[in-house]
Protein backbone atom coordinates (compact mmCIF):
# COMPACT_ATOMS: atom_id res chain seq x y z
CA MET A 1 15.35 -8.51 42.52
CA LYS A 2 16.20 -9.89 38.97
CA TYR A 3 14.81 -8.36 35.84
CA GLU A 4 14.29 -10.17 32.54
CA TYR A 5 14.88 -8.57 29.19
CA GLN A 6 13.93 -10.09 25.98
CA LYS A 7 15.91 -10.15 22.63
CA TYR A 8 13.82 -9.98 19.48
CA LYS A 9 14.37 -10.64 15.84
CA LEU A 10 12.22 -9.39 13.00
CA GLU A 11 11.50 -11.73 10.19
CA ILE A 12 9.40 -11.30 7.04
CA VAL A 13 7.49 -14.29 6.06
CA ARG A 14 6.33 -14.91 2.43
CA GLU A 15 2.75 -15.66 2.90
CA GLN A 16 1.76 -16.43 -0.75
CA THR A 17 3.30 -16.35 -4.12
CA PHE A 18 1.54 -15.02 -7.21
CA GLU A 19 2.68 -16.16 -10.65
CA SER A 20 2.44 -13.86 -13.73
CA GLU A 21 3.45 -13.91 -17.30
CA GLN A 22 4.69 -10.32 -16.91
CA SER A 23 6.97 -8.39 -14.76
CA TYR A 24 5.56 -5.38 -13.08
CA PHE A 25 7.68 -2.24 -13.07
CA ILE A 26 6.30 1.03 -11.69
CA LYS A 27 6.54 3.84 -14.15
CA ASN A 28 3.11 5.29 -13.77
CA SER A 29 -0.23 4.94 -12.10
CA GLU A 30 -1.48 2.66 -14.86
CA ASP A 31 1.20 0.20 -14.10
CA ILE A 32 0.24 0.21 -10.45
CA PHE A 33 -3.50 -0.14 -11.27
CA LYS A 34 -2.75 -3.16 -13.50
CA TYR A 35 -0.86 -4.83 -10.68
CA LEU A 36 -3.62 -4.07 -8.30
CA THR A 37 -6.31 -5.63 -10.56
CA ASP A 38 -4.25 -8.49 -11.93
CA ILE A 39 -2.40 -9.69 -8.96
CA CYS A 40 -3.91 -8.15 -5.77
CA ARG A 41 -7.50 -8.37 -7.06
CA LEU A 42 -8.20 -5.27 -4.85
CA HIS A 43 -11.37 -4.45 -6.80
CA LYS A 44 -13.03 -7.71 -5.75
CA ASN A 45 -13.09 -7.09 -2.04
CA PRO A 46 -16.52 -6.38 -0.52
CA ASN A 47 -14.82 -4.46 2.43
CA GLU A 48 -12.45 -1.60 2.25
CA VAL A 49 -8.90 -3.00 2.19
CA PHE A 50 -5.66 -0.95 2.45
CA LEU A 51 -2.56 -2.38 0.77
CA ALA A 52 1.15 -1.36 0.91
CA ILE A 53 3.33 -2.20 -2.07
CA ALA A 54 7.14 -2.34 -1.56
CA ILE A 55 9.22 -1.05 -4.42
CA ASN A 56 13.00 -1.62 -4.91
CA ALA A 57 15.41 1.00 -6.08
CA LYS A 58 14.90 -0.13 -9.80
CA GLY A 59 11.20 0.48 -9.66
CA GLU A 60 10.38 -3.27 -9.46
CA ILE A 61 7.65 -4.58 -7.10
CA ILE A 62 9.11 -6.49 -4.25
CA GLY A 63 5.77 -7.53 -2.84
CA PHE A 64 2.65 -6.20 -1.03
CA THR A 65 0.80 -6.67 2.17
CA THR A 66 -2.57 -6.04 3.49
CA VAL A 67 -2.19 -3.43 6.16
CA SER A 68 -5.91 -3.23 7.30
CA VAL A 69 -9.25 -4.57 6.46
CA GLY A 70 -12.27 -2.35 7.36
CA ASP A 71 -15.94 -2.35 6.78
CA LEU A 72 -18.05 -1.19 3.78
CA CYS A 73 -16.90 2.45 4.16
CA SER A 74 -13.65 2.77 6.07
CA THR A 75 -10.42 1.17 7.24
CA THR A 76 -7.98 2.27 9.89
CA THR A 77 -4.34 2.80 8.83
CA HIS A 78 -1.31 3.79 11.01
CA PRO A 79 2.16 4.71 9.75
CA ARG A 80 3.68 2.21 12.18
CA GLU A 81 2.02 -0.69 10.51
CA VAL A 82 2.79 0.51 6.97
CA TYR A 83 6.41 1.18 7.38
CA LYS A 84 7.16 -1.86 9.46
CA PHE A 85 6.47 -3.87 6.30
CA ALA A 86 8.46 -1.52 4.08
CA ILE A 87 11.48 -1.60 6.34
CA CYS A 88 11.45 -5.41 6.57
CA CYS A 89 11.28 -5.61 2.79
CA ASN A 90 14.16 -3.24 2.42
CA ALA A 91 12.01 -0.98 0.28
CA GLY A 92 13.32 1.94 -1.57
CA SER A 93 9.85 3.45 -1.80
CA VAL A 94 6.21 2.41 -1.45
CA VAL A 95 2.86 2.68 -3.08
CA PHE A 96 -0.42 2.61 -1.11
CA ALA A 97 -3.76 1.56 -2.51
CA HIS A 98 -7.24 0.83 -1.20
CA ASN A 99 -10.48 0.05 -2.58
CA HIS A 100 -13.88 1.72 -2.39
CA PRO A 101 -16.57 -0.96 -2.37
CA SER A 102 -19.09 1.72 -3.55
CA GLU A 103 -17.06 1.65 -6.79
CA ASP A 104 -16.66 5.53 -6.48
CA PRO A 105 -12.84 6.13 -6.34
CA VAL A 106 -13.15 9.71 -5.30
CA PRO A 107 -11.04 10.28 -2.16
CA SER A 108 -12.63 11.43 1.05
CA ASP A 109 -11.05 14.12 3.30
CA THR A 110 -9.89 11.17 5.52
CA ASP A 111 -8.20 9.56 2.64
CA ILE A 112 -6.33 12.73 1.82
CA GLN A 113 -5.36 13.39 5.37
CA THR A 114 -4.14 9.75 5.95
CA THR A 115 -2.11 9.89 2.78
CA LYS A 116 -0.46 13.23 3.76
CA ARG A 117 0.40 11.71 7.21
CA LEU A 118 1.92 8.45 5.65
CA SER A 119 3.80 10.63 3.16
CA GLU A 120 5.38 12.71 5.97
CA ALA A 121 6.39 9.53 7.91
CA GLY A 122 7.94 8.20 4.81
CA LYS A 123 10.03 11.32 4.44
CA LEU A 124 11.24 10.91 7.88
CA LEU A 125 12.15 7.31 7.26
CA GLY A 126 13.69 7.79 3.81
CA ILE A 127 11.03 5.78 2.13
CA PRO A 128 9.09 8.04 -0.16
CA VAL A 129 5.51 7.42 -1.07
CA LEU A 130 5.27 7.20 -4.97
CA ASP A 131 1.51 7.16 -5.13
CA HIS A 132 -1.69 6.24 -3.39
CA LEU A 133 -4.39 4.76 -5.69
CA LEU A 134 -8.11 4.47 -4.89
CA VAL A 135 -9.65 1.67 -6.75
CA GLY A 136 -13.36 1.75 -7.59
CA ASN A 137 -13.68 -1.31 -9.92
CA GLU A 138 -11.69 -3.08 -12.51
CA THR A 139 -11.73 0.05 -14.83
CA SER A 140 -11.85 2.98 -12.45
CA TYR A 141 -9.31 4.37 -10.05
CA ILE A 142 -7.77 7.70 -8.92
CA SER A 143 -4.15 8.42 -8.47
CA MET A 144 -3.78 10.78 -5.53
CA LYS A 145 -0.23 11.73 -6.79
CA ARG A 146 -1.58 12.59 -10.35
CA GLU A 147 -4.34 14.63 -8.67
CA ASP A 148 -1.76 16.47 -6.51
CA LEU A 149 -3.49 15.60 -3.28
CA PHE A 150 -0.39 14.83 -1.22
């Protein structure tokens, strides 16, 4: 009996390019929020959307990906999906963000537990989580790092 084995190659594909008059460096949660509203337009989504943002060693944003799209109140996120993107981007760190279509950025218990789980996975992989922002609308957000929630 013969067995077949496959050889695979991972590639990252640039899906879309966004042009901006400014460069986005991550120094604090306000910088992240500005990127999320200006470039990602996260606050405009009618469903809950979870994003992962890859950051290089200099604190520059490499890019972002939509990890999951949920319904009005929730979305499912797994470390495997988040870190697959970060590893392919050669990210030094990551930032997570998701919107709350209700426009109330207060994190749920599930948001906190998910962030803790993602942070632990990042520690194992050597890709630290810098922050997780919950976006309500174009002016309201909560930084889970600043609130010491993970």
